[in-house]
C-alpha atoms as a PDB file:
ATOM      1  CA  MET A   1       0.012   0.002  -0.111  1.00  0.00           C
ATOM      2  CA  ALA A   2       1.111   3.589  -0.837  1.00  0.00           C
ATOM      3  CA  LYS A   3      -0.399   6.516   1.210  1.00  0.00           C
ATOM      4  CA  ALA A   4      -1.343   9.138  -1.177  1.00  0.00           C
ATOM      5  CA  ASP A   5      -2.510  12.835  -0.442  1.00  0.00           C
ATOM      6  CA  LEU A   6      -2.977  14.263  -3.796  1.00  0.00           C
ATOM      7  CA  HIS A   7      -4.868  17.533  -3.076  1.00  0.00           C
ATOM      8  CA  ASN A   8      -2.457  20.047  -1.717  1.00  0.00           C
ATOM      9  CA  HIS A   9      -1.560  23.656  -2.661  1.00  0.00           C
ATOM     10  CA  LEU A  10       1.455  24.408  -0.517  1.00  0.00           C
ATOM     11  CA  GLY A  11       1.509  27.946   0.837  1.00  0.00           C
ATOM     12  CA  SER A  12       0.322  31.193  -0.645  1.00  0.00           C
ATOM     13  CA  GLN A  13       1.462  31.091  -4.410  1.00  0.00           C
ATOM     14  CA  GLY A  14       3.254  27.906  -3.809  1.00  0.00           C
ATOM     15  CA  LYS A  15       5.333  29.216  -0.816  1.00  0.00           C
ATOM     16  CA  ASN A  16       7.333  26.418   1.001  1.00  0.00           C
ATOM     17  CA  PRO A  17      10.216  26.073   3.204  1.00  0.00           C
ATOM     18  CA  GLY A  18      12.345  24.519   0.536  1.00  0.00           C
ATOM     19  CA  PHE A  19      12.491  21.458  -1.674  1.00  0.00           C
ATOM     20  CA  ASP A  20      14.093  18.928   0.755  1.00  0.00           C
ATOM     21  CA  GLU A  21      12.251  20.399   3.768  1.00  0.00           C
ATOM     22  CA  THR A  22       8.866  19.841   2.010  1.00  0.00           C
ATOM     23  CA  ILE A  23       9.787  16.338   1.096  1.00  0.00           C
ATOM     24  CA  ASN A  24      10.834  15.642   4.784  1.00  0.00           C
ATOM     25  CA  LEU A  25       7.375  17.025   5.883  1.00  0.00           C
ATOM     26  CA  ALA A  26       5.591  14.648   3.333  1.00  0.00           C
ATOM     27  CA  TYR A  27       7.699  11.776   4.452  1.00  0.00           C
ATOM     28  CA  ASN A  28       6.918  12.290   8.068  1.00  0.00           C
ATOM     29  CA  LYS A  29       3.209  11.889   7.473  1.00  0.00           C
ATOM     30  CA  LEU A  30       3.157   9.506   4.484  1.00  0.00           C
ATOM     31  CA  GLY A  31       6.070   7.365   5.107  1.00  0.00           C
ATOM     32  CA  ASN A  32       8.110   5.236   2.759  1.00  0.00           C
ATOM     33  CA  GLY A  33       6.679   5.180  -0.635  1.00  0.00           C
ATOM     34  CA  GLY A  34       4.240   8.179   0.036  1.00  0.00           C
ATOM     35  CA  ILE A  35       2.635  10.222  -2.750  1.00  0.00           C
ATOM     36  CA  PHE A  36       1.608  13.671  -2.667  1.00  0.00           C
ATOM     37  CA  GLY A  37       0.246  15.953  -5.316  1.00  0.00           C
ATOM     38  CA  ILE A  38       0.729  19.899  -5.849  1.00  0.00           C
ATOM     39  CA  ALA A  39      -2.232  21.365  -7.347  1.00  0.00           C
ATOM     40  CA  ASN A  40      -1.737  24.208  -9.834  1.00  0.00           C
ATOM     41  CA  SER A  41      -4.805  26.671 -10.206  1.00  0.00           C
ATOM     42  CA  ASP A  42      -3.963  29.179 -12.854  1.00  0.00           C
ATOM     43  CA  ASP A  43      -0.405  29.076 -11.920  1.00  0.00           C
ATOM     44  CA  PHE A  44       2.674  26.847 -12.123  1.00  0.00           C
ATOM     45  CA  ARG A  45       3.397  26.091  -8.431  1.00  0.00           C
ATOM     46  CA  TYR A  46       4.238  22.429  -9.087  1.00  0.00           C
ATOM     47  CA  GLU A  47       6.738  23.409 -11.809  1.00  0.00           C
ATOM     48  CA  ASN A  48       8.127  26.150  -9.478  1.00  0.00           C
ATOM     49  CA  PHE A  49       8.540  23.684  -6.663  1.00  0.00           C
ATOM     50  CA  ILE A  50      10.263  20.930  -8.516  1.00  0.00           C
ATOM     51  CA  ASN A  51      12.706  23.435 -10.091  1.00  0.00           C
ATOM     52  CA  GLN A  52      13.420  25.620  -7.130  1.00  0.00           C
ATOM     53  CA  LYS A  53      17.132  26.062  -6.221  1.00  0.00           C
ATOM     54  CA  GLY A  54      18.642  24.508  -3.179  1.00  0.00           C
ATOM     55  CA  GLY A  55      18.348  21.180  -1.556  1.00  0.00           C
ATOM     56  CA  LYS A  56      20.507  17.920  -1.949  1.00  0.00           C
ATOM     57  CA  TYR A  57      17.632  15.398  -2.710  1.00  0.00           C
ATOM     58  CA  GLU A  58      17.643  14.046  -6.295  1.00  0.00           C
ATOM     59  CA  ARG A  59      14.679  14.780  -8.560  1.00  0.00           C
ATOM     60  CA  VAL A  60      13.964  11.970 -10.993  1.00  0.00           C
ATOM     61  CA  PRO A  61      11.016  12.163 -13.673  1.00  0.00           C
ATOM     62  CA  LEU A  62       9.345   8.906 -13.838  1.00  0.00           C
ATOM     63  CA  LEU A  63       9.577   9.094 -17.599  1.00  0.00           C
ATOM     64  CA  GLU A  64      12.644  10.869 -18.995  1.00  0.00           C
ATOM     65  CA  SER A  65      10.646  13.134 -21.220  1.00  0.00           C
ATOM     66  CA  ASP A  66       7.619  13.516 -18.920  1.00  0.00           C
ATOM     67  CA  LYS A  67       7.846  15.446 -15.543  1.00  0.00           C
ATOM     68  CA  ARG A  68       4.190  14.971 -14.544  1.00  0.00           C
ATOM     69  CA  MET A  69       5.512  12.890 -11.625  1.00  0.00           C
ATOM     70  CA  ILE A  70       8.941  13.312  -9.820  1.00  0.00           C
ATOM     71  CA  TYR A  71      10.489  10.686  -7.802  1.00  0.00           C
ATOM     72  CA  VAL A  72      12.609  11.517  -4.956  1.00  0.00           C
ATOM     73  CA  PRO A  73      14.807   8.479  -4.175  1.00  0.00           C
ATOM     74  CA  ASP A  74      16.401   9.766  -0.906  1.00  0.00           C
ATOM     75  CA  LYS A  75      12.996   9.399   0.783  1.00  0.00           C
ATOM     76  CA  ASN A  76      11.290   7.173  -1.714  1.00  0.00           C
ATOM     77  CA  ILE A  77       8.575   9.851  -2.304  1.00  0.00           C
ATOM     78  CA  LEU A  78       6.632  10.516  -5.340  1.00  0.00           C
ATOM     79  CA  VAL A  79       5.416  14.069  -6.283  1.00  0.00           C
ATOM     80  CA  VAL A  80       2.515  14.460  -8.599  1.00  0.00           C
ATOM     81  CA  LYS A  81       1.593  17.506 -10.702  1.00  0.00           C
ATOM     82  CA  CYS A  82      -2.079  18.196 -10.407  1.00  0.00           C
ATOM     83  CA  GLN A  83      -4.293  21.053 -11.339  1.00  0.00           C
ATOM     84  CA  GLU A  84      -7.502  22.229  -9.562  1.00  0.00           C
ATOM     85  CA  MET A  85      -9.536  23.343 -12.438  1.00  0.00           C
ATOM     86  CA  PHE A  86     -11.608  26.205 -11.285  1.00  0.00           C
ATOM     87  CA  THR A  87     -14.606  25.922 -13.667  1.00  0.00           C
ATOM     88  CA  LYS A  88     -17.723  28.074 -13.478  1.00  0.00           C
ATOM     89  CA  GLN A  89     -19.796  24.878 -12.614  1.00  0.00           C
ATOM     90  CA  GLY A  90     -17.358  23.614  -9.873  1.00  0.00           C
ATOM     91  CA  HIS A  91     -13.745  22.437  -9.072  1.00  0.00           C
ATOM     92  CA  VAL A  92     -12.190  19.292 -10.554  1.00  0.00           C
ATOM     93  CA  LEU A  93      -8.739  17.961  -9.653  1.00  0.00           C
ATOM     94  CA  ALA A  94      -6.905  16.913 -12.888  1.00  0.00           C
ATOM     95  CA  THR A  95      -4.149  14.527 -11.494  1.00  0.00           C
ATOM     96  CA  ALA A  96      -0.855  13.578 -13.277  1.00  0.00           C
ATOM     97  CA  MET A  97      -1.090  16.684 -15.617  1.00  0.00           C
ATOM     98  CA  PRO A  98       1.712  16.994 -18.143  1.00  0.00           C
ATOM     99  CA  TYR A  99       4.543  19.380 -17.235  1.00  0.00           C
ATOM    100  CA  LYS A 100       3.926  23.013 -17.921  1.00  0.00           C
ATOM    101  CA  GLU A 101       0.492  22.530 -19.367  1.00  0.00           C
ATOM    102  CA  ASN A 102      -2.640  23.807 -17.566  1.00  0.00           C
ATOM    103  CA  VAL A 103      -6.287  23.649 -18.637  1.00  0.00           C
ATOM    104  CA  ASN A 104      -7.510  27.152 -19.230  1.00  0.00           C
ATOM    105  CA  THR A 105     -11.030  26.896 -20.062  1.00  0.00           C
ATOM    106  CA  LYS A 106     -13.574  27.704 -17.246  1.00  0.00           C
ATOM    107  CA  ASP A 107     -16.431  25.695 -18.802  1.00  0.00           C
ATOM    108  CA  ALA A 108     -16.640  22.244 -16.909  1.00  0.00           C
ATOM    109  CA  LYS A 109     -17.333  20.148 -19.927  1.00  0.00           C
ATOM    110  CA  SER A 110     -14.525  21.449 -22.062  1.00  0.00           C
ATOM    111  CA  ALA A 111     -12.204  21.422 -19.089  1.00  0.00           C
ATOM    112  CA  ILE A 112     -13.046  17.755 -18.344  1.00  0.00           C
ATOM    113  CA  ARG A 113     -12.519  16.827 -22.115  1.00  0.00           C
ATOM    114  CA  ALA A 114      -9.266  18.761 -22.346  1.00  0.00           C
ATOM    115  CA  ALA A 115      -7.834  17.033 -19.226  1.00  0.00           C
ATOM    116  CA  LYS A 116      -8.700  13.697 -20.478  1.00  0.00           C
ATOM    117  CA  ASN A 117      -7.174  14.431 -23.742  1.00  0.00           C
ATOM    118  CA  LEU A 118      -4.048  15.143 -21.701  1.00  0.00           C
ATOM    119  CA  GLU A 119      -4.351  11.721 -20.079  1.00  0.00           C
ATOM    120  CA  ALA A 120      -4.924  13.120 -16.580  1.00  0.00           C
ATOM    121  CA  SER A 121      -7.115  11.320 -14.042  1.00  0.00           C
ATOM    122  CA  LEU A 122      -9.914  13.317 -12.965  1.00  0.00           C
ATOM    123  CA  ILE A 123     -11.234  13.593  -9.121  1.00  0.00           C
ATOM    124  CA  SER A 124     -14.277  15.288  -8.039  1.00  0.00           C
ATOM    125  CA  VAL A 125     -13.091  17.268  -5.059  1.00  0.00           C
ATOM    126  CA  HIS A 126     -15.271  18.561  -2.184  1.00  0.00           C
ATOM    127  CA  PRO A 127     -18.280  18.028  -4.510  1.00  0.00           C
ATOM    128  CA  PHE A 128     -20.947  19.478  -2.046  1.00  0.00           C
ATOM    129  CA  TYR A 129     -18.738  22.121  -0.420  1.00  0.00           C
ATOM    130  CA  GLN A 130     -18.017  25.720  -1.724  1.00  0.00           C
ATOM    131  CA  PHE A 131     -17.394  25.563  -5.438  1.00  0.00           C
ATOM    132  CA  GLY A 132     -18.136  21.795  -5.640  1.00  0.00           C
ATOM    133  CA  ILE A 133     -19.254  20.288  -8.852  1.00  0.00           C
ATOM    134  CA  GLY A 134     -21.466  17.722  -7.177  1.00  0.00           C
ATOM    135  CA  ASN A 135     -24.961  19.342  -8.182  1.00  0.00           C
ATOM    136  CA  PHE A 136     -23.620  19.987 -11.845  1.00  0.00           C
ATOM    137  CA  LEU A 137     -22.646  16.279 -12.178  1.00  0.00           C
ATOM    138  CA  ARG A 138     -26.100  15.271 -10.630  1.00  0.00           C
ATOM    139  CA  GLU A 139     -27.655  17.092 -13.587  1.00  0.00           C
ATOM    140  CA  ASN A 140     -25.318  15.953 -16.026  1.00  0.00           C
ATOM    141  CA  PRO A 141     -24.712  12.223 -15.077  1.00  0.00           C
ATOM    142  CA  GLU A 142     -23.159  11.352 -18.447  1.00  0.00           C
ATOM    143  CA  LEU A 143     -19.940  13.247 -17.305  1.00  0.00           C
ATOM    144  CA  LEU A 144     -19.363  11.008 -14.160  1.00  0.00           C
ATOM    145  CA  GLN A 145     -17.782   8.173 -16.214  1.00  0.00           C
ATOM    146  CA  SER A 146     -14.914  10.703 -17.008  1.00  0.00           C
ATOM    147  CA  PHE A 147     -13.964  10.433 -13.234  1.00  0.00           C
ATOM    148  CA  SER A 148     -11.537   8.001 -11.650  1.00  0.00           C
ATOM    149  CA  SER A 149     -12.141   8.962  -7.933  1.00  0.00           C
ATOM    150  CA  TRP A 150     -14.692  10.729  -5.653  1.00  0.00           C
ATOM    151  CA  GLU A 151     -13.353  12.677  -2.925  1.00  0.00           C
ATOM    152  CA  ILE A 152     -15.644  11.546  -0.043  1.00  0.00           C
ATOM    153  CA  PHE A 153     -13.576  13.258   2.504  1.00  0.00           C
ATOM    154  CA  ASN A 154     -11.862  16.576   2.222  1.00  0.00           C
ATOM    155  CA  GLY A 155     -10.034  17.718   5.342  1.00  0.00           C
ATOM    156  CA  SER A 156     -10.668  21.435   4.622  1.00  0.00           C
ATOM    157  CA  ALA A 157     -14.410  20.792   3.978  1.00  0.00           C
ATOM    158  CA  GLU A 158     -14.913  20.086   7.559  1.00  0.00           C
ATOM    159  CA  PHE A 159     -14.642  23.723   8.327  1.00  0.00           C
ATOM    160  CA  SER A 160     -18.084  25.322   7.912  1.00  0.00           C
ATOM    161  CA  PHE A 161     -19.343  28.980   8.408  1.00  0.00           C
ATOM    162  CA  PRO A 162     -23.164  30.047   8.469  1.00  0.00           C
ATOM    163  CA  PHE A 163     -24.488  31.212   5.108  1.00  0.00           C
ATOM    164  CA  VAL A 164     -20.885  30.989   3.480  1.00  0.00           C
ATOM    165  CA  LEU A 165     -19.303  27.440   3.888  1.00  0.00           C
ATOM    166  CA  PRO A 166     -21.928  24.380   4.207  1.00  0.00           C
ATOM    167  CA  ARG A 167     -21.979  21.981   6.817  1.00  0.00           C
ATOM    168  CA  ASN A 168     -21.925  18.220   6.254  1.00  0.00           C
ATOM    169  CA  ALA A 169     -20.311  18.483   2.785  1.00  0.00           C
ATOM    170  CA  ASN A 170     -18.266  15.272   3.266  1.00  0.00           C
ATOM    171  CA  VAL A 171     -21.495  13.357   4.497  1.00  0.00           C
ATOM    172  CA  LYS A 172     -23.184  14.499   1.291  1.00  0.00           C
ATOM    173  CA  ALA A 173     -20.312  13.394  -0.807  1.00  0.00           C
ATOM    174  CA  LEU A 174     -20.346   9.902   0.691  1.00  0.00           C
ATOM    175  CA  ASP A 175     -24.199   9.802   0.483  1.00  0.00           C
ATOM    176  CA  PHE A 176     -24.073  10.654  -3.213  1.00  0.00           C
ATOM    177  CA  TYR A 177     -21.244   7.995  -3.991  1.00  0.00           C
ATOM    178  CA  ALA A 178     -23.483   5.388  -2.441  1.00  0.00           C
ATOM    179  CA  THR A 179     -26.788   6.304  -3.609  1.00  0.00           C
ATOM    180  CA  GLU A 180     -25.721   6.617  -7.327  1.00  0.00           C
ATOM    181  CA  ASN A 181     -23.637   3.329  -6.967  1.00  0.00           C
ATOM    182  CA  LEU A 182     -20.687   5.104  -8.434  1.00  0.00           C
ATOM    183  CA  SER A 183     -18.518   2.105  -8.092  1.00  0.00           C
ATOM    184  CA  ARG A 184     -20.528   0.468 -10.832  1.00  0.00           C
ATOM    185  CA  LEU A 185     -18.692   3.198 -13.103  1.00  0.00           C
ATOM    186  CA  ASN A 186     -15.391   1.971 -11.523  1.00  0.00           C
ATOM    187  CA  ILE A 187     -15.011   5.070  -9.713  1.00  0.00           C
ATOM    188  CA  GLY A 188     -12.896   4.771  -6.455  1.00  0.00           C
ATOM    189  CA  ILE A 189     -13.215   6.898  -3.154  1.00  0.00           C
ATOM    190  CA  SER A 190     -10.601   9.038  -1.757  1.00  0.00           C
ATOM    191  CA  SER A 191      -9.523  11.214   1.245  1.00  0.00           C
ATOM    192  CA  PHE A 192      -7.296  14.215   0.744  1.00  0.00           C
ATOM    193  CA  THR A 193      -6.159  17.254   2.739  1.00  0.00           C
ATOM    194  CA  ASP A 194      -6.726  20.171   0.562  1.00  0.00           C
ATOM    195  CA  GLY A 195      -4.177  21.969   2.495  1.00  0.00           C
ATOM    196  CA  HIS A 196      -2.843  25.539   2.074  1.00  0.00           C
ATOM    197  CA  SER A 197       0.574  25.029   3.922  1.00  0.00           C
ATOM    198  CA  PRO A 198       3.142  22.487   3.445  1.00  0.00           C
ATOM    199  CA  GLU A 199       3.022  21.328   6.989  1.00  0.00           C
ATOM    200  CA  VAL A 200      -0.470  19.644   6.804  1.00  0.00           C
ATOM    201  CA  ILE A 201       0.545  17.525   3.734  1.00  0.00           C
ATOM    202  CA  GLY A 202      -0.510  14.008   4.523  1.00  0.00           C
ATOM    203  CA  LYS A 203      -3.007  15.064   7.326  1.00  0.00           C
ATOM    204  CA  CYS A 204      -5.613  13.094   5.156  1.00  0.00           C
ATOM    205  CA  TYR A 205      -4.625  10.313   2.746  1.00  0.00           C
ATOM    206  CA  THR A 206      -5.812   7.395   0.759  1.00  0.00           C
ATOM    207  CA  GLU A 207      -4.113   4.049   0.876  1.00  0.00           C
ATOM    208  CA  LEU A 208      -3.446   2.935  -2.809  1.00  0.00           C
ATOM    209  CA  PRO A 209      -3.692  -0.793  -3.461  1.00  0.00           C
ATOM    210  CA  VAL A 210      -0.542  -0.519  -5.647  1.00  0.00           C
ATOM    211  CA  TYR A 211       2.791   0.313  -4.009  1.00  0.00           C
ATOM    212  CA  ASN A 212       5.125   0.968  -6.926  1.00  0.00           C
ATOM    213  CA  ILE A 213       3.578   3.440  -9.125  1.00  0.00           C
ATOM    214  CA  THR A 214       5.557   3.885 -12.309  1.00  0.00           C
ATOM    215  CA  SER A 215       3.138   5.726 -14.738  1.00  0.00           C
ATOM    216  CA  GLN A 216       0.021   7.640 -14.811  1.00  0.00           C
ATOM    217  CA  GLN A 217      -1.836   4.539 -15.799  1.00  0.00           C
ATOM    218  CA  ASP A 218      -0.724   2.875 -12.545  1.00  0.00           C
ATOM    219  CA  LEU A 219      -1.933   5.918 -10.499  1.00  0.00           C
ATOM    220  CA  ASP A 220      -5.173   5.860 -12.375  1.00  0.00           C
ATOM    221  CA  TYR A 221      -5.745   2.165 -11.798  1.00  0.00           C
ATOM    222  CA  ALA A 222      -4.814   2.515  -8.121  1.00  0.00           C
ATOM    223  CA  LEU A 223      -7.314   5.472  -7.720  1.00  0.00           C
ATOM    224  CA  ARG A 224     -10.158   3.460  -9.264  1.00  0.00           C
ATOM    225  CA  ASN A 225      -9.613   0.409  -7.024  1.00  0.00           C
ATOM    226  CA  VAL A 226     -10.065   2.113  -3.625  1.00  0.00           C
ATOM    227  CA  LYS A 227     -13.692   1.188  -2.730  1.00  0.00           C
ATOM    228  CA  HIS A 228     -13.640   0.877   0.974  1.00  0.00           C
ATOM    229  CA  THR A 229     -13.380   3.516   3.644  1.00  0.00           C
ATOM    230  CA  ASN A 230     -11.056   1.536   5.742  1.00  0.00           C
ATOM    231  CA  ARG A 231      -8.412   2.689   3.100  1.00  0.00           C
ATOM    232  CA  LEU A 232      -8.909   6.127   4.024  1.00  0.00           C
ATOM    233  CA  HIS A 233      -7.483   8.385   6.794  1.00  0.00           C
ATOM    234  CA  MET A 234      -9.990  11.160   7.549  1.00  0.00           C
ATOM    235  CA  GLU A 235      -8.847  13.848   9.818  1.00  0.00           C
ATOM    236  CA  SER A 236     -10.103  17.581   9.991  1.00  0.00           C
ATOM    237  CA  ASN A 237      -7.989  20.194   8.476  1.00  0.00           C
ATOM    238  CA  SER A 238     -10.564  23.125   9.791  1.00  0.00           C
ATOM    239  CA  THR A 239      -7.670  25.133  11.311  1.00  0.00           C
ATOM    240  CA  ASP A 240      -5.532  25.532   8.266  1.00  0.00           C
ATOM    241  CA  SER A 241      -8.791  26.074   6.138  1.00  0.00           C
ATOM    242  CA  ALA A 242      -9.943  28.653   8.478  1.00  0.00           C
ATOM    243  CA  LEU A 243      -6.592  30.499   8.434  1.00  0.00           C
ATOM    244  CA  HIS A 244      -6.471  30.304   4.503  1.00  0.00           C
ATOM    245  CA  ALA A 245     -10.047  31.682   4.383  1.00  0.00           C
ATOM    246  CA  PHE A 246      -9.154  34.536   6.668  1.00  0.00           C
ATOM    247  CA  LYS A 247      -6.017  35.397   4.583  1.00  0.00           C
ATOM    248  CA  MET A 248      -8.074  35.338   1.407  1.00  0.00           C
ATOM    249  CA  ALA A 249     -10.668  37.688   2.985  1.00  0.00           C
ATOM    250  CA  LEU A 250      -7.904  40.073   3.800  1.00  0.00           C
ATOM    251  CA  VAL A 251      -6.651  40.063   0.107  1.00  0.00           C
ATOM    252  CA  LYS A 252     -10.175  40.780  -1.128  1.00  0.00           C
ATOM    253  CA  LEU A 253     -10.321  43.647   1.303  1.00  0.00           C
ATOM    254  CA  GLY A 254      -6.946  44.941   0.108  1.00  0.00           C
ATOM    255  CA  LEU A 255      -5.458  44.536   3.426  1.00  0.00           C
ATOM    256  CA  ARG A 256      -2.985  41.839   2.424  1.00  0.00           C
ATOM    257  CA  LYS A 257      -1.213  40.749  -0.803  1.00  0.00           C
ATOM    258  CA  ASP A 258      -1.583  37.236  -1.933  1.00  0.00           C
END
C-alpha cells in the first residue's frame, strides 16, 4: 500500500520552506513510498516547486521526457503534478497533468474533455462544499464516467461557516457516491487534505492498492480500486482551512497581498 495525499496547494502562491524540507514534511506523514500532489490553479506552483534552487535530494522524472511525476529516491517519495480546475460549474482535480501544461477553459465540460485528452485522471473534489461540482454532475450524469475517484472526505471541507461554507459537505459526498452507486462506473473513493500550507501535507490520505507507481496509468488504476473507507485516513483540516479563508478575506479587502 502507498499513502497518497493528492490535493495540496503548498502555501500562498506555492510558498514552501524548501524542496528538501517539504519532502521531509511529506515523508513524516506519508512514510516510505508516500505520494503527494501539488495542485496548480491558474499558476505553475508544481513546476516552481520541483525546479526551485537549493536542496540535496535528487529529483527524477518517472519518464525521462515527462515530468508529470517526480520521484525522490532519497526518501522514496513521489510528487505528482495536479491542477485544480476552477470551472464555473465547480472544481475538478486533474491528477498527473503534463509538465508546464494547464487547462485554461472555465467551462466544466470543456475542461473535463481537455484534461482527459492530456491523459490526466479526474477527481471530483469537495463535490458538495463551496465551489463543488456535485450538483452539476447530478444534473449531467453522463460526465461521471470521466472520473477516476470521488473525494468523499476533504479535510478542509470540515470547516463550515453559516451562510458561506456549508455543513456536512463530506457526508453529502459519501451519500451521493453510495446512492448513485458510482462504483459501478469503476470510480474509487478518496480522502485528501486540500491543505494550504506544507505542514499539513498527509493530514488526510488514501491508501492505494499499488505500492510501486511507475506511470499515470498505474496511478489511475490505483485510484479506481479504492472502494472501502477503511483505506482512507480522514482527519479535519479546519484550522488550516480557516486560516486560509481569513487570509483570502484580507486579500479581497486589500489589506494583504496574496
